[in-house]
C-alpha atoms as a PDB file:
ATOM      1  CA  MET A   1     -38.277  16.538 -63.031  1.00  0.00           C
ATOM      2  CA  ASN A   2     -37.434  17.174 -59.410  1.00  0.00           C
ATOM      3  CA  PRO A   3     -34.491  16.010 -57.344  1.00  0.00           C
ATOM      4  CA  ILE A   4     -35.169  12.997 -55.153  1.00  0.00           C
ATOM      5  CA  ASP A   5     -32.927  11.348 -52.583  1.00  0.00           C
ATOM      6  CA  LEU A   6     -32.567   7.575 -52.756  1.00  0.00           C
ATOM      7  CA  VAL A   7     -31.398   6.641 -49.258  1.00  0.00           C
ATOM      8  CA  VAL A   8     -29.761   3.211 -49.274  1.00  0.00           C
ATOM      9  CA  THR A   9     -28.704   1.431 -46.093  1.00  0.00           C
ATOM     10  CA  VAL A  10     -25.603  -0.582 -46.909  1.00  0.00           C
ATOM     11  CA  CYS A  11     -23.642  -3.000 -44.743  1.00  0.00           C
ATOM     12  CA  ALA A  12     -20.061  -4.168 -45.124  1.00  0.00           C
ATOM     13  CA  VAL A  13     -19.783  -7.622 -46.694  1.00  0.00           C
ATOM     14  CA  LEU A  14     -17.053  -8.693 -44.258  1.00  0.00           C
ATOM     15  CA  SER A  15     -18.693  -7.075 -41.229  1.00  0.00           C
ATOM     16  CA  PRO A  16     -22.507  -7.202 -41.592  1.00  0.00           C
ATOM     17  CA  ALA A  17     -23.008  -5.249 -38.358  1.00  0.00           C
ATOM     18  CA  THR A  18     -21.180  -2.263 -39.909  1.00  0.00           C
ATOM     19  CA  CYS A  19     -23.872  -0.331 -41.754  1.00  0.00           C
ATOM     20  CA  GLU A  20     -24.329   3.209 -43.025  1.00  0.00           C
ATOM     21  CA  GLU A  21     -26.683   5.229 -45.176  1.00  0.00           C
ATOM     22  CA  GLN A  22     -25.697   6.343 -48.658  1.00  0.00           C
ATOM     23  CA  HIS A  23     -27.613   9.168 -50.335  1.00  0.00           C
ATOM     24  CA  LEU A  24     -27.990   9.008 -54.105  1.00  0.00           C
ATOM     25  CA  VAL A  25     -29.637  12.197 -55.350  1.00  0.00           C
ATOM     26  CA  PHE A  26     -30.959  12.313 -58.901  1.00  0.00           C
ATOM     27  CA  ASN A  27     -33.789  13.816 -60.937  1.00  0.00           C
ATOM     28  CA  TYR A  28     -37.005  11.826 -60.909  1.00  0.00           C
ATOM     29  CA  SER A  29     -40.494  12.732 -62.056  1.00  0.00           C
ATOM     30  CA  GLY A  30     -42.449  10.303 -59.851  1.00  0.00           C
ATOM     31  CA  SER A  31     -43.404  10.087 -56.197  1.00  0.00           C
ATOM     32  CA  PRO A  32     -41.114   8.738 -53.457  1.00  0.00           C
ATOM     33  CA  ARG A  33     -43.069   5.458 -53.548  1.00  0.00           C
ATOM     34  CA  GLN A  34     -42.559   5.150 -57.304  1.00  0.00           C
ATOM     35  CA  CYS A  35     -38.894   5.979 -56.826  1.00  0.00           C
ATOM     36  CA  ALA A  36     -38.498   3.171 -54.270  1.00  0.00           C
ATOM     37  CA  MET A  37     -40.079   0.706 -56.695  1.00  0.00           C
ATOM     38  CA  ALA A  38     -37.783   1.871 -59.521  1.00  0.00           C
ATOM     39  CA  ALA A  39     -34.642   1.915 -57.340  1.00  0.00           C
ATOM     40  CA  PRO A  40     -33.159  -1.609 -57.761  1.00  0.00           C
ATOM     41  CA  PRO A  41     -31.196  -0.852 -60.977  1.00  0.00           C
ATOM     42  CA  TYR A  42     -29.634   2.244 -59.365  1.00  0.00           C
ATOM     43  CA  ILE A  43     -28.807   0.270 -56.221  1.00  0.00           C
ATOM     44  CA  ALA A  44     -27.306  -2.550 -58.302  1.00  0.00           C
ATOM     45  CA  GLN A  45     -25.106  -0.034 -60.099  1.00  0.00           C
ATOM     46  CA  TRP A  46     -23.910   1.466 -56.801  1.00  0.00           C
ATOM     47  CA  VAL A  47     -23.212  -1.981 -55.295  1.00  0.00           C
ATOM     48  CA  GLY A  48     -21.349  -2.956 -58.476  1.00  0.00           C
ATOM     49  CA  GLU A  49     -19.130   0.088 -58.013  1.00  0.00           C
ATOM     50  CA  HIS A  50     -18.685  -0.595 -54.262  1.00  0.00           C
ATOM     51  CA  PRO A  51     -18.226  -4.404 -53.956  1.00  0.00           C
ATOM     52  CA  LYS A  52     -17.315  -4.297 -50.249  1.00  0.00           C
ATOM     53  CA  TRP A  53     -20.902  -3.250 -49.429  1.00  0.00           C
ATOM     54  CA  HIS A  54     -24.346  -4.763 -49.899  1.00  0.00           C
ATOM     55  CA  ALA A  55     -27.718  -3.031 -49.742  1.00  0.00           C
ATOM     56  CA  VAL A  56     -30.138  -4.093 -47.016  1.00  0.00           C
ATOM     57  CA  ARG A  57     -32.942  -1.521 -47.389  1.00  0.00           C
ATOM     58  CA  TRP A  58     -33.798   1.675 -49.189  1.00  0.00           C
ATOM     59  CA  ARG A  59     -36.297   4.498 -49.323  1.00  0.00           C
ATOM     60  CA  CYS A  60     -36.831   7.623 -51.359  1.00  0.00           C
ATOM     61  CA  GLU A  61     -37.538  11.072 -50.017  1.00  0.00           C
ATOM     62  CA  TYR A  62     -37.346  14.626 -51.179  1.00  0.00           C
ATOM     63  CA  PRO A  63     -33.950  16.171 -50.354  1.00  0.00           C
ATOM     64  CA  HIS A  64     -33.576  18.082 -47.101  1.00  0.00           C
ATOM     65  CA  THR A  65     -36.729  16.672 -45.471  1.00  0.00           C
ATOM     66  CA  HIS A  66     -34.795  16.101 -42.240  1.00  0.00           C
ATOM     67  CA  ASP A  67     -33.055  19.474 -42.140  1.00  0.00           C
ATOM     68  CA  LYS A  68     -34.052  21.782 -39.310  1.00  0.00           C
ATOM     69  CA  ALA A  69     -35.008  25.353 -40.090  1.00  0.00           C
END
């Protein structure tokens, strides 16, 4: 298993224009596409723990893909 970063864009329930990205890193043995398809239970758990936010989109990527060398 390799670490994968589930990047979830969440917006505030009371202020839908206030959005931010949350990074949920965990071990996953599939591709980023497979991760995105398997993500809803993880997103539901996060939203359940953070009721002031709701998820609007998500993607999976390998960690540090946007870091500059």
